[in-house]
């Protein structure tokens, strides 16, 4: 209960702050704000799940993952708190005793939710919820991200606007602070020299996954694997609706092709930083991307009846190109049609005080607590590196074209389109049927065993390639591909083994490396085109997109053929 000076009793004189969430996305917004109290032993942080949401299923497990202390709803309603932090005005918030602070929930107020609250009201600015909460339990602070939001709030709910202040967006603060980690995030994802294309799907009937459910798989399977990497950011509400297993099964073709499905907490934001381009529906994630960096944004759909006219997302979608068909040519055309500066202008109408929101919020919250902030800063926490794809294709339909400039190679996951020039597969990573059908078989060095045998019997490199050509009559080229140093290659009908070395491509001070398995396919296509044994040493050029890689082919030494696999 309250003490005589207005503080809430915690039993030890500390101030109790309750972080109350009714959905996973609301919880994640609260966690972006929580560092304002970091290092302050006067503050106790507690969590509770506000019941009543269809999307609350993942909240408790998310709190458990971070190790937070959770109060059952009934206990939370029986206690008093110095502050109650929420990121949504919905739910029975009036049952929670304490000064209420309503924080930003996403990038602005861009959509209305059909059959919920007042007709045509923006979610988060609906007077049906704001006035109900404010009447029962007056809000001490309604934090907003931009002055335009304050103006909109004042027009629809003047009473609720009395305690509103423009603070900025703490989630954007984290993204902006983490921008220097872009290269680290791309390294964690295994992006390399590929273009990272991020797809964004909000939730609801107008979302990308509902309107174009085949788009992730079509892009993942039709874009050249060595030129593009695909990541999908799914709104936490959609994850809660489907469940992790069901979502993964629905996306299985795209995941099998190497698409990354980002985690709903933090990882989505680090992938935004790593991305080279964005494909978005009407969800507001695109505004975070536009605020953080000036890179192309392409739309899919216009949000239907959910999108609020003249909201920042509506303005953005009307100004950016729209993706039609899901193929490389259409994507390239849409990305090239993007006008630089378009995204930044929409973001400026969504976020004020960029980079200073957390500091401003800290000042406000400590004033409500009647405390002075600790004498050290509480900067926005850097985003952690994202996890790489959980699956990767190991068999490819390879398109090969001999040109005056070199051998152009485009690999796509096997079985997802028209068969290419040949099938290339990683031995030991695909089925027996695919192994016997492949014109090119390659093997990567095996990882060390966790429990090594007392004696070992590894293949030599040359022993494996010759055995493979003997075992699989359909195989024309067998190769050992290594991450560095020469690779070993044997060709059917040629007694000579060859060493293959791929030189990196240098551009603008950066160095791009090519998967040697791609070079093996280039050599295979060259051999078929010339129908002759290679003169040694031979120099070839492998073309991948707009990059060229020099490939050297020479006779292998005895040491190279005898190297253990």
Protein backbone atom coordinates (compact mmCIF):
# COMPACT_ATOMS: atom_id res chain seq x y z
CA UNK A 1 0.00 0.00 0.00
CA UNK A 2 1.02 3.65 -0.23
CA UNK A 3 3.30 5.17 2.39
CA UNK A 4 2.68 8.54 3.95
CA UNK A 5 4.76 10.44 1.38
CA UNK A 6 3.02 8.81 -1.58
CA UNK A 7 5.60 6.06 -2.16
CA UNK A 8 4.49 2.46 -2.55
CA UNK A 9 5.60 0.01 0.09
CA UNK A 10 7.94 -2.74 -1.13
CA UNK A 11 8.98 -3.94 2.29
CA UNK A 12 12.50 -2.54 1.98
CA UNK A 13 11.89 1.08 1.01
CA UNK A 14 12.57 0.50 -2.65
CA UNK A 15 10.31 1.82 -5.42
CA UNK A 16 8.24 -0.80 -7.21
CA UNK A 17 7.85 -0.46 -10.99
CA UNK A 18 5.41 -2.80 -12.69
CA UNK A 19 5.85 -3.55 -16.39
CA UNK A 20 2.41 -4.72 -17.49
CA UNK A 21 1.97 -6.21 -20.97
CA UNK A 22 -1.00 -7.82 -22.69
CA UNK A 23 0.92 -9.00 -25.78
CA UNK A 24 4.45 -9.93 -26.74
CA UNK A 25 4.95 -6.81 -28.84
CA UNK A 26 3.91 -4.61 -25.91
CA UNK A 27 6.36 -6.47 -23.66
CA UNK A 28 9.21 -5.94 -26.11
CA UNK A 29 8.52 -2.19 -26.15
CA UNK A 30 8.66 -2.15 -22.35
CA UNK A 31 11.96 -4.02 -22.39
CA UNK A 32 13.43 -1.35 -24.67
CA UNK A 33 12.53 1.21 -21.98
CA UNK A 34 13.60 -0.79 -18.89
CA UNK A 35 17.29 0.29 -19.08
CA UNK A 36 16.29 3.75 -17.81
CA UNK A 37 16.45 2.16 -14.34
CA UNK A 38 19.67 0.17 -14.92
CA UNK A 39 22.07 0.11 -11.98
CA UNK A 40 19.64 1.78 -9.56
CA UNK A 41 19.29 -0.31 -6.41
CA UNK A 42 16.34 1.84 -5.33
CA UNK A 43 14.14 0.30 -8.04
CA UNK A 44 12.44 -3.10 -8.10
CA UNK A 45 11.18 -4.23 -11.52
CA UNK A 46 8.23 -6.62 -11.70
CA UNK A 47 6.19 -8.00 -14.60
CA UNK A 48 2.61 -9.08 -15.09
CA UNK A 49 0.45 -10.32 -17.95
CA UNK A 50 -2.68 -8.27 -18.56
CA UNK A 51 -5.35 -10.86 -19.44
CA UNK A 52 -7.81 -10.66 -22.29
CA UNK A 53 -5.67 -10.48 -25.44
CA UNK A 54 -5.62 -13.12 -28.16
CA UNK A 55 -1.89 -12.40 -28.44
CA UNK A 56 -0.82 -12.81 -24.82
CA UNK A 57 0.24 -16.43 -25.20
CA UNK A 58 3.96 -15.67 -25.58
CA UNK A 59 4.28 -13.01 -22.88
CA UNK A 60 5.02 -15.22 -19.88
CA UNK A 61 7.54 -17.37 -21.74
CA UNK A 62 9.30 -14.21 -22.96
CA UNK A 63 9.51 -12.86 -19.40
CA UNK A 64 10.85 -16.21 -18.24
CA UNK A 65 13.48 -16.13 -21.00
CA UNK A 66 14.92 -12.85 -19.73
CA UNK A 67 14.66 -14.02 -16.11
CA UNK A 68 12.10 -11.43 -15.02
CA UNK A 69 10.02 -11.84 -11.87
CA UNK A 70 6.35 -12.27 -12.76
CA UNK A 71 3.38 -11.45 -10.56
CA UNK A 72 0.11 -13.27 -11.24
CA UNK A 73 -2.57 -10.84 -12.39
CA UNK A 74 -4.60 -11.30 -9.21
CA UNK A 75 -1.60 -10.47 -7.04
CA UNK A 76 -0.67 -7.47 -9.20
CA UNK A 77 -4.21 -6.11 -8.75
CA UNK A 78 -3.95 -6.47 -4.95
CA UNK A 79 -0.72 -4.50 -4.68
CA UNK A 80 0.25 -0.87 -5.21
CA UNK A 81 3.16 0.31 -7.32
CA UNK A 82 5.10 3.51 -7.68
CA UNK A 83 4.82 3.28 -11.47
CA UNK A 84 2.82 1.08 -13.81
CA UNK A 85 4.37 1.02 -17.28
CA UNK A 86 2.26 -0.16 -20.21
CA UNK A 87 2.55 0.04 -24.00
CA UNK A 88 -1.14 -0.31 -24.81
CA UNK A 89 -4.28 1.36 -23.40
CA UNK A 90 -6.27 -1.87 -23.73
CA UNK A 91 -7.18 -4.29 -20.95
CA UNK A 92 -8.36 -3.79 -17.38
CA UNK A 93 -5.62 -1.32 -16.53
CA UNK A 94 -7.83 0.44 -13.98
CA UNK A 95 -7.35 -2.55 -11.66
CA UNK A 96 -3.64 -1.78 -11.35
CA UNK A 97 -2.89 0.69 -8.56
CA UNK A 98 -0.18 3.26 -9.15
CA UNK A 99 0.81 6.08 -11.44
CA UNK A 100 0.27 4.89 -15.00
CA UNK A 101 2.68 5.63 -17.83
CA UNK A 102 1.61 4.80 -21.40
CA UNK A 103 4.56 4.30 -23.73
CA UNK A 104 4.86 4.22 -27.55
CA UNK A 105 3.67 1.01 -29.18
CA UNK A 106 5.27 0.76 -32.61
CA UNK A 107 6.14 3.57 -34.99
CA UNK A 108 3.16 5.86 -34.74
CA UNK A 109 -0.55 5.29 -35.25
CA UNK A 110 -1.02 4.05 -38.79
CA UNK A 111 -3.77 1.45 -38.78
CA UNK A 112 -7.22 0.76 -37.43
CA UNK A 113 -8.33 -2.65 -36.21
CA UNK A 114 -11.63 -3.86 -37.70
CA UNK A 115 -14.37 -4.72 -35.18
CA UNK A 116 -12.36 -3.27 -32.30
CA UNK A 117 -13.02 0.00 -30.45
CA UNK A 118 -14.27 3.06 -32.30
CA UNK A 119 -14.82 2.84 -36.05
CA UNK A 120 -11.93 4.28 -38.07
CA UNK A 121 -9.91 5.18 -34.97
CA UNK A 122 -6.20 4.58 -35.11
CA UNK A 123 -5.09 1.73 -32.89
CA UNK A 124 -3.42 3.35 -29.88
CA UNK A 125 -5.36 6.62 -30.27
CA UNK A 126 -8.84 5.22 -29.77
CA UNK A 127 -10.83 7.38 -27.31
CA UNK A 128 -12.87 4.31 -26.32
CA UNK A 129 -9.77 2.95 -24.59
CA UNK A 130 -7.86 6.09 -23.67
CA UNK A 131 -10.78 7.79 -21.88
CA UNK A 132 -11.86 4.63 -20.10
CA UNK A 133 -8.39 4.20 -18.63
CA UNK A 134 -7.92 7.86 -17.83
CA UNK A 135 -11.28 8.13 -16.05
CA UNK A 136 -10.70 5.14 -13.78
CA UNK A 137 -6.95 5.56 -13.23
CA UNK A 138 -5.59 8.91 -14.46
CA UNK A 139 -2.51 8.55 -16.62
CA UNK A 140 0.52 10.34 -15.19
CA UNK A 141 2.35 10.37 -18.52
CA UNK A 142 1.37 9.48 -22.07
CA UNK A 143 4.66 9.35 -23.96
CA UNK A 144 4.48 10.05 -27.69
CA UNK A 145 7.08 9.92 -30.42
CA UNK A 146 6.24 12.99 -32.53
CA UNK A 147 4.35 16.32 -32.20
CA UNK A 148 1.93 15.24 -34.94
CA UNK A 149 0.84 12.38 -32.68
CA UNK A 150 0.15 14.84 -29.88
CA UNK A 151 -1.95 16.92 -32.25
CA UNK A 152 -3.92 13.86 -33.32
CA UNK A 153 -4.43 12.80 -29.71
CA UNK A 154 -5.64 16.29 -28.77
CA UNK A 155 -8.20 16.22 -31.57
CA UNK A 156 -9.73 12.85 -30.65
CA UNK A 157 -9.30 12.79 -26.86
CA UNK A 158 -8.43 16.21 -25.37
CA UNK A 159 -8.75 14.87 -21.82
CA UNK A 160 -6.20 12.13 -22.49
CA UNK A 161 -3.85 14.64 -24.12
CA UNK A 162 -3.41 16.67 -20.93
CA UNK A 163 -0.69 14.33 -19.64
CA UNK A 164 0.88 13.64 -23.04
CA UNK A 165 4.43 14.65 -23.85
CA UNK A 166 6.57 14.16 -26.91
CA UNK A 167 9.44 11.94 -25.79
CA UNK A 168 10.61 10.19 -28.94
CA UNK A 169 10.85 6.45 -29.57
CA UNK A 170 13.20 4.38 -27.35
CA UNK A 171 13.14 1.47 -29.80
CA UNK A 172 14.45 3.74 -32.54
CA UNK A 173 17.15 4.90 -30.11
CA UNK A 174 18.42 1.32 -29.90
CA UNK A 175 18.46 0.98 -33.67
CA UNK A 176 20.30 4.26 -34.19
CA UNK A 177 22.84 3.43 -31.49
CA UNK A 178 23.51 0.04 -33.11
CA UNK A 179 24.09 1.28 -36.67
CA UNK A 180 27.92 0.95 -36.39
CA UNK A 181 27.41 -2.80 -35.85
CA UNK A 182 26.04 -3.35 -39.37
CA UNK A 183 29.08 -5.30 -40.59
CA UNK A 184 29.03 -7.46 -37.48
CA UNK A 185 25.36 -8.28 -37.99
CA UNK A 186 25.96 -9.20 -41.64
CA UNK A 187 28.86 -11.44 -40.63
CA UNK A 188 26.64 -13.18 -38.05
CA UNK A 189 24.00 -13.78 -40.73
CA UNK A 190 26.55 -15.12 -43.23
CA UNK A 191 25.48 -12.51 -45.78
CA UNK A 192 28.88 -12.04 -47.40
CA UNK A 193 28.73 -10.06 -50.65
CA UNK A 194 25.06 -10.88 -51.22
CA UNK A 195 22.24 -8.34 -51.05
CA UNK A 196 20.21 -8.89 -47.90
CA UNK A 197 16.54 -8.41 -48.67
CA UNK A 198 14.28 -8.09 -45.62
CA UNK A 199 10.57 -8.87 -45.96
CA UNK A 200 8.24 -7.37 -43.37
CA UNK A 201 4.78 -8.71 -42.54
CA UNK A 202 2.47 -7.07 -40.03
CA UNK A 203 -0.51 -8.96 -38.64
CA UNK A 204 -4.13 -9.15 -39.74
CA UNK A 205 -6.01 -9.84 -42.94
CA UNK A 206 -4.16 -7.20 -44.97
CA UNK A 207 -0.67 -8.37 -43.99
CA UNK A 208 1.91 -9.66 -46.44
CA UNK A 209 1.62 -13.23 -45.15
CA UNK A 210 -2.18 -13.21 -45.51
CA UNK A 211 -2.40 -11.40 -48.87
CA UNK A 212 0.66 -12.93 -50.53
CA UNK A 213 1.53 -16.06 -48.55
CA UNK A 214 3.60 -17.46 -51.43
CA UNK A 215 5.89 -14.41 -51.70
CA UNK A 216 8.62 -15.54 -49.24
CA UNK A 217 8.99 -18.93 -50.94
CA UNK A 218 8.89 -17.45 -54.44
CA UNK A 219 11.61 -14.92 -53.66
CA UNK A 220 13.73 -17.41 -51.71
CA UNK A 221 13.66 -19.95 -54.52
CA UNK A 222 13.75 -17.71 -57.59
CA UNK A 223 16.37 -15.13 -56.63
CA UNK A 224 19.94 -16.33 -57.36
CA UNK A 225 21.26 -17.83 -54.14
CA UNK A 226 24.74 -16.32 -54.47
CA UNK A 227 23.42 -12.82 -55.13
CA UNK A 228 20.59 -12.48 -52.59
CA UNK A 229 19.91 -13.43 -49.00
CA UNK A 230 16.35 -13.27 -47.71
CA UNK A 231 15.09 -12.56 -44.18
CA UNK A 232 11.50 -12.39 -42.97
CA UNK A 233 10.33 -10.21 -40.07
CA UNK A 234 6.91 -11.33 -38.78
CA UNK A 235 4.85 -9.25 -36.35
CA UNK A 236 4.73 -10.86 -32.88
CA UNK A 237 0.92 -10.96 -33.01
CA UNK A 238 1.04 -13.20 -36.07
CA UNK A 239 3.58 -15.42 -34.34
CA UNK A 240 1.29 -15.70 -31.33
CA UNK A 241 -1.72 -16.46 -33.52
CA UNK A 242 0.00 -19.28 -35.36
CA UNK A 243 2.58 -20.58 -32.91
CA UNK A 244 6.22 -21.19 -33.72
CA UNK A 245 5.70 -24.69 -35.15
CA UNK A 246 2.79 -23.75 -37.42
CA UNK A 247 4.59 -20.66 -38.70
CA UNK A 248 7.72 -22.69 -39.51
CA UNK A 249 5.67 -25.31 -41.35
CA UNK A 250 3.88 -22.67 -43.41
CA UNK A 251 7.22 -21.13 -44.33
CA UNK A 252 9.05 -24.44 -44.84
CA UNK A 253 9.77 -24.03 -48.59
CA UNK A 254 11.35 -20.62 -47.99
CA UNK A 255 13.24 -21.78 -44.88
CA UNK A 256 14.55 -24.83 -46.76
CA UNK A 257 15.85 -22.42 -49.40
CA UNK A 258 17.88 -20.57 -46.76
CA UNK A 259 15.53 -17.78 -45.68
CA UNK A 260 16.12 -16.35 -42.21
CA UNK A 261 13.10 -16.09 -39.91
CA UNK A 262 14.04 -13.42 -37.39
CA UNK A 263 13.23 -13.62 -33.70
CA UNK A 264 10.49 -11.24 -32.60
CA UNK A 265 12.57 -9.62 -29.85
CA UNK A 266 15.58 -7.48 -30.80
CA UNK A 267 16.75 -9.66 -33.70
CA UNK A 268 14.30 -8.06 -36.15
CA UNK A 269 15.93 -4.70 -35.51
CA UNK A 270 19.50 -5.93 -36.03
CA UNK A 271 18.36 -7.51 -39.33
CA UNK A 272 16.90 -4.13 -40.36
CA UNK A 273 20.32 -2.59 -39.83
CA UNK A 274 22.00 -5.35 -41.84
CA UNK A 275 19.53 -5.21 -44.74
CA UNK A 276 20.29 -3.70 -48.16
CA UNK A 277 16.62 -3.28 -49.10
CA UNK A 278 13.17 -3.73 -47.59
CA UNK A 279 9.94 -5.20 -48.97
CA UNK A 280 7.06 -4.13 -46.75
CA UNK A 281 3.32 -4.20 -46.30
CA UNK A 282 1.59 -1.44 -44.31
CA UNK A 283 3.22 -2.39 -41.00
CA UNK A 284 5.18 0.40 -39.34
CA UNK A 285 8.49 -1.50 -39.15
CA UNK A 286 9.38 0.14 -42.45
CA UNK A 287 9.44 3.52 -40.71
CA UNK A 288 12.19 2.33 -38.36
CA UNK A 289 14.17 1.19 -41.40
CA UNK A 290 13.65 4.51 -43.16
CA UNK A 291 14.68 6.49 -40.07
CA UNK A 292 17.86 4.49 -39.60
CA UNK A 293 19.33 4.40 -43.09
CA UNK A 294 18.70 5.56 -46.63
CA UNK A 295 18.23 2.33 -48.59
CA UNK A 296 15.52 1.19 -51.02
CA UNK A 297 12.03 0.30 -49.79
CA UNK A 298 9.47 -1.51 -51.96
CA UNK A 299 5.80 -2.01 -51.10
CA UNK A 300 3.51 -5.02 -51.44
CA UNK A 301 -0.11 -4.00 -51.03
CA UNK A 302 -1.55 -0.75 -49.71
CA UNK A 303 -3.08 -1.90 -46.44
CA UNK A 304 -6.70 -1.96 -47.56
CA UNK A 305 -9.18 -0.54 -45.08
CA UNK A 306 -6.77 -0.93 -42.14
CA UNK A 307 -4.39 1.86 -43.14
CA UNK A 308 -5.26 5.32 -41.81
CA UNK A 309 -5.34 7.84 -44.69
CA UNK A 310 -2.47 10.37 -44.61
CA UNK A 311 -0.71 8.54 -41.78
CA UNK A 312 3.10 8.26 -42.18
CA UNK A 313 2.82 4.70 -43.51
CA UNK A 314 0.12 5.73 -45.98
CA UNK A 315 2.35 8.55 -47.21
CA UNK A 316 5.31 6.19 -47.51
CA UNK A 317 3.41 3.47 -49.40
CA UNK A 318 2.01 6.01 -51.87
CA UNK A 319 5.51 7.23 -52.69
CA UNK A 320 7.53 4.01 -52.98
CA UNK A 321 7.48 1.54 -55.90
CA UNK A 322 5.36 -1.60 -55.60
CA UNK A 323 6.65 -5.11 -56.25
CA UNK A 324 4.63 -6.99 -58.84
CA UNK A 325 5.88 -10.45 -59.69
CA UNK A 326 8.34 -12.28 -57.45
CA UNK A 327 11.35 -12.60 -59.72
CA UNK A 328 14.79 -11.06 -59.93
CA UNK A 329 13.99 -8.74 -62.85
CA UNK A 330 10.85 -7.33 -61.20
CA UNK A 331 12.67 -6.86 -57.90
CA UNK A 332 15.60 -5.10 -59.57
CA UNK A 333 13.23 -2.82 -61.45
CA UNK A 334 11.33 -1.92 -58.27
CA UNK A 335 14.49 -1.27 -56.26
CA UNK A 336 15.91 0.95 -58.99
CA UNK A 337 12.64 2.91 -59.11
CA UNK A 338 12.97 3.89 -55.44
CA UNK A 339 13.70 7.61 -55.08
CA UNK A 340 16.37 8.36 -52.46
CA UNK A 341 14.99 10.44 -49.59
CA UNK A 342 11.44 9.09 -49.85
CA UNK A 343 11.69 6.90 -46.76
CA UNK A 344 13.52 9.46 -44.67
CA UNK A 345 10.80 12.07 -45.24
CA UNK A 346 8.10 9.69 -43.94
CA UNK A 347 10.23 8.76 -40.96
CA UNK A 348 10.73 12.39 -40.00
CA UNK A 349 6.95 12.64 -39.62
CA UNK A 350 7.00 9.70 -37.17
CA UNK A 351 9.96 10.27 -34.84
CA UNK A 352 11.11 13.35 -32.98
CA UNK A 353 14.12 13.64 -30.66
CA UNK A 354 15.89 10.84 -32.50
CA UNK A 355 18.64 9.38 -30.35
CA UNK A 356 17.48 11.23 -27.23
CA UNK A 357 14.20 9.47 -26.39
CA UNK A 358 15.53 7.22 -23.65
CA UNK A 359 17.26 10.10 -21.90
CA UNK A 360 14.13 12.25 -22.06
CA UNK A 361 11.97 9.41 -20.77
CA UNK A 362 14.39 8.77 -17.91
CA UNK A 363 14.02 12.34 -16.75
CA UNK A 364 10.22 12.09 -16.80
CA UNK A 365 10.02 8.74 -15.00
CA UNK A 366 12.38 9.72 -12.21
CA UNK A 367 10.40 12.92 -11.71
CA UNK A 368 7.24 10.81 -11.26
CA UNK A 369 9.10 8.64 -8.74
CA UNK A 370 10.26 11.70 -6.81
CA UNK A 371 13.88 10.60 -7.19
CA UNK A 372 16.99 12.03 -8.75
CA UNK A 373 18.43 9.81 -11.50
CA UNK A 374 21.69 8.03 -10.66
CA UNK A 375 24.84 10.00 -11.51
CA UNK A 376 25.63 7.83 -14.53
CA UNK A 377 24.11 7.60 -17.98
CA UNK A 378 21.69 4.88 -19.10
CA UNK A 379 22.35 4.73 -22.83
CA UNK A 380 20.28 2.68 -25.25
CA UNK A 381 21.51 -0.89 -25.27
CA UNK A 382 23.13 -2.15 -28.43
CA UNK A 383 21.21 -4.81 -30.29
CA UNK A 384 22.65 -8.35 -30.16
CA UNK A 385 23.85 -10.07 -33.35
CA UNK A 386 21.11 -11.98 -35.16
CA UNK A 387 21.20 -15.74 -35.65
CA UNK A 388 21.95 -17.16 -39.11
CA UNK A 389 19.53 -19.26 -41.12
CA UNK A 390 18.72 -22.59 -39.51
CA UNK A 391 18.66 -24.38 -42.87
CA UNK A 392 20.62 -24.05 -46.09
CA UNK A 393 20.09 -25.69 -49.47
CA UNK A 394 22.64 -28.32 -50.44
CA UNK A 395 21.44 -29.06 -53.98
CA UNK A 396 21.18 -26.45 -56.72
CA UNK A 397 19.82 -26.10 -60.21
CA UNK A 398 22.69 -24.23 -61.83
CA UNK A 399 22.21 -21.91 -64.79
CA UNK A 400 25.46 -21.47 -66.71
CA UNK A 401 26.16 -19.22 -69.67
CA UNK A 402 29.45 -18.95 -71.53
CA UNK A 403 30.02 -15.31 -72.45
CA UNK A 404 33.01 -13.38 -73.84
CA UNK A 405 33.53 -11.96 -70.35
CA UNK A 406 33.47 -15.33 -68.58
CA UNK A 407 31.14 -18.03 -67.29
CA UNK A 408 28.00 -16.59 -65.73
CA UNK A 409 26.62 -18.77 -62.94
CA UNK A 410 23.27 -18.47 -61.14
CA UNK A 411 22.36 -21.12 -58.56
CA UNK A 412 18.84 -21.69 -57.24
CA UNK A 413 17.68 -24.32 -54.75
CA UNK A 414 16.91 -27.56 -56.55
CA UNK A 415 13.37 -28.40 -57.57
CA UNK A 416 11.94 -24.91 -57.22
CA UNK A 417 11.88 -23.90 -60.87
CA UNK A 418 12.97 -24.87 -64.33
CA UNK A 419 15.95 -27.28 -64.33
CA UNK A 420 19.20 -25.51 -65.11
CA UNK A 421 22.36 -26.38 -67.02
CA UNK A 422 23.22 -29.00 -64.40
CA UNK A 423 22.47 -30.17 -60.88
CA UNK A 424 25.17 -29.58 -58.26
CA UNK A 425 24.87 -31.19 -54.83
CA UNK A 426 26.84 -31.47 -51.62
CA UNK A 427 27.59 -35.13 -50.97
CA UNK A 428 26.36 -36.32 -47.59
CA UNK A 429 23.85 -33.47 -47.26
CA UNK A 430 21.19 -34.57 -49.79
CA UNK A 431 19.22 -37.71 -50.56
CA UNK A 432 20.62 -40.67 -52.46
CA UNK A 433 18.32 -39.91 -55.39
CA UNK A 434 19.68 -36.37 -55.72
CA UNK A 435 23.24 -37.61 -55.26
CA UNK A 436 22.85 -40.03 -58.18
CA UNK A 437 21.28 -37.33 -60.36
CA UNK A 438 23.94 -34.68 -59.83
CA UNK A 439 26.40 -33.78 -62.58
CA UNK A 440 28.59 -32.08 -59.98
CA UNK A 441 29.19 -33.55 -56.51
CA UNK A 442 31.28 -31.75 -53.95
CA UNK A 443 32.29 -32.46 -50.39
CA UNK A 444 33.25 -30.01 -47.67
CA UNK A 445 35.72 -31.00 -44.94
CA UNK A 446 33.94 -32.85 -42.17
CA UNK A 447 33.77 -31.13 -38.76
CA UNK A 448 35.75 -32.72 -35.92
CA UNK A 449 33.88 -35.47 -34.12
CA UNK A 450 32.64 -34.72 -30.61
CA UNK A 451 33.65 -38.26 -29.57
CA UNK A 452 36.56 -39.34 -31.79
CA UNK A 453 37.08 -43.03 -32.47
CA UNK A 454 40.20 -44.72 -31.07
CA UNK A 455 41.36 -45.21 -34.67
CA UNK A 456 40.51 -43.15 -37.73
CA UNK A 457 40.06 -44.01 -41.40
CA UNK A 458 39.51 -40.78 -43.34
CA UNK A 459 39.41 -40.46 -47.11
CA UNK A 460 42.26 -38.74 -48.84
CA UNK A 461 41.02 -35.92 -51.04
CA UNK A 462 41.95 -37.68 -54.26
CA UNK A 463 40.66 -41.00 -52.97
CA UNK A 464 37.22 -39.50 -52.32
CA UNK A 465 36.91 -37.75 -55.69
CA UNK A 466 37.93 -40.87 -57.63
CA UNK A 467 35.65 -43.09 -55.53
CA UNK A 468 32.76 -40.70 -56.10
CA UNK A 469 33.21 -40.75 -59.89
CA UNK A 470 33.26 -44.54 -59.75
CA UNK A 471 30.25 -44.83 -57.42
CA UNK A 472 28.01 -42.33 -59.22
CA UNK A 473 28.01 -42.78 -63.01
CA UNK A 474 25.96 -39.61 -63.55
CA UNK A 475 28.61 -37.44 -61.91
CA UNK A 476 30.91 -35.61 -64.32
CA UNK A 477 32.93 -33.60 -61.80
CA UNK A 478 33.74 -34.47 -58.17
CA UNK A 479 35.43 -31.91 -55.95
CA UNK A 480 36.65 -31.24 -52.45
CA UNK A 481 35.85 -27.61 -51.65
CA UNK A 482 37.71 -25.91 -48.82
CA UNK A 483 37.00 -22.51 -47.25
CA UNK A 484 40.57 -21.43 -47.98
CA UNK A 485 43.45 -22.73 -50.06
CA UNK A 486 43.21 -24.85 -53.23
CA UNK A 487 40.29 -27.17 -53.82
CA UNK A 488 40.69 -30.57 -55.48
CA UNK A 489 38.74 -31.51 -58.59
CA UNK A 490 38.51 -34.69 -60.68
CA UNK A 491 36.81 -34.98 -64.06
CA UNK A 492 35.31 -38.15 -65.50
CA UNK A 493 37.55 -39.65 -68.16
CA UNK A 494 40.58 -37.55 -67.20
CA UNK A 495 43.34 -39.26 -65.20
CA UNK A 496 44.69 -35.91 -64.07
CA UNK A 497 43.48 -34.37 -60.77
CA UNK A 498 43.27 -30.59 -60.66
CA UNK A 499 43.75 -27.93 -58.02
CA UNK A 500 41.28 -25.06 -58.19
CA UNK A 501 41.97 -21.67 -56.65
CA UNK A 502 39.42 -18.81 -56.53
CA UNK A 503 40.75 -15.28 -56.24
CA UNK A 504 38.68 -12.75 -54.27
CA UNK A 505 36.95 -9.81 -55.93
CA UNK A 506 38.10 -6.41 -54.69
CA UNK A 507 35.89 -3.34 -54.80
CA UNK A 508 35.92 -0.05 -52.92
CA UNK A 509 38.35 -1.30 -50.29
CA UNK A 510 36.27 -4.42 -49.59
CA UNK A 511 37.03 -8.03 -50.48
CA UNK A 512 34.33 -10.41 -51.72
CA UNK A 513 34.92 -14.16 -51.49
CA UNK A 514 33.18 -16.75 -53.64
CA UNK A 515 31.97 -20.15 -52.42
CA UNK A 516 34.38 -22.53 -54.23
CA UNK A 517 31.41 -24.79 -55.05
CA UNK A 518 30.24 -22.06 -57.46
CA UNK A 519 33.63 -22.10 -59.19
CA UNK A 520 33.41 -25.89 -59.53
CA UNK A 521 30.12 -25.45 -61.40
CA UNK A 522 31.78 -22.83 -63.63
CA UNK A 523 34.59 -25.25 -64.47
CA UNK A 524 32.05 -27.99 -65.20
CA UNK A 525 30.17 -25.71 -67.61
CA UNK A 526 33.45 -24.68 -69.29
CA UNK A 527 34.54 -28.30 -69.74
CA UNK A 528 31.23 -29.27 -71.33
CA UNK A 529 31.31 -26.26 -73.64
CA UNK A 530 34.85 -26.99 -74.82
CA UNK A 531 34.60 -30.82 -74.76
CA UNK A 532 38.27 -31.12 -74.00
CA UNK A 533 40.70 -31.62 -71.16
CA UNK A 534 41.77 -28.31 -69.69
CA UNK A 535 45.16 -27.04 -70.68
CA UNK A 536 47.02 -26.53 -67.47
CA UNK A 537 47.34 -24.08 -65.94
CA UNK A 538 44.07 -22.50 -67.10
CA UNK A 539 42.55 -19.19 -66.09
CA UNK A 540 38.77 -18.73 -66.07
CA UNK A 541 36.45 -15.93 -65.01
CA UNK A 542 33.35 -16.76 -62.97
CA UNK A 543 30.61 -14.10 -63.11
CA UNK A 544 28.14 -13.74 -60.22
CA UNK A 545 25.76 -10.85 -60.68
CA UNK A 546 27.90 -7.78 -61.35
CA UNK A 547 31.04 -9.30 -59.80
CA UNK A 548 33.80 -11.30 -61.45
CA UNK A 549 36.08 -13.83 -59.78
CA UNK A 550 39.31 -15.16 -61.28
CA UNK A 551 39.58 -18.96 -61.16
CA UNK A 552 42.89 -20.77 -61.65
CA UNK A 553 42.99 -24.45 -62.62
CA UNK A 554 46.26 -26.40 -62.57
CA UNK A 555 47.41 -30.00 -62.07
CA UNK A 556 47.21 -31.05 -58.43
CA UNK A 557 50.31 -32.12 -56.54
CA UNK A 558 50.60 -35.48 -54.83
CA UNK A 559 50.45 -33.69 -51.51
CA UNK A 560 47.11 -32.08 -52.47
CA UNK A 561 45.53 -35.33 -53.66
CA UNK A 562 46.76 -37.12 -50.54
CA UNK A 563 45.49 -34.50 -48.08
CA UNK A 564 43.03 -36.05 -45.59
CA UNK A 565 39.42 -35.01 -46.08
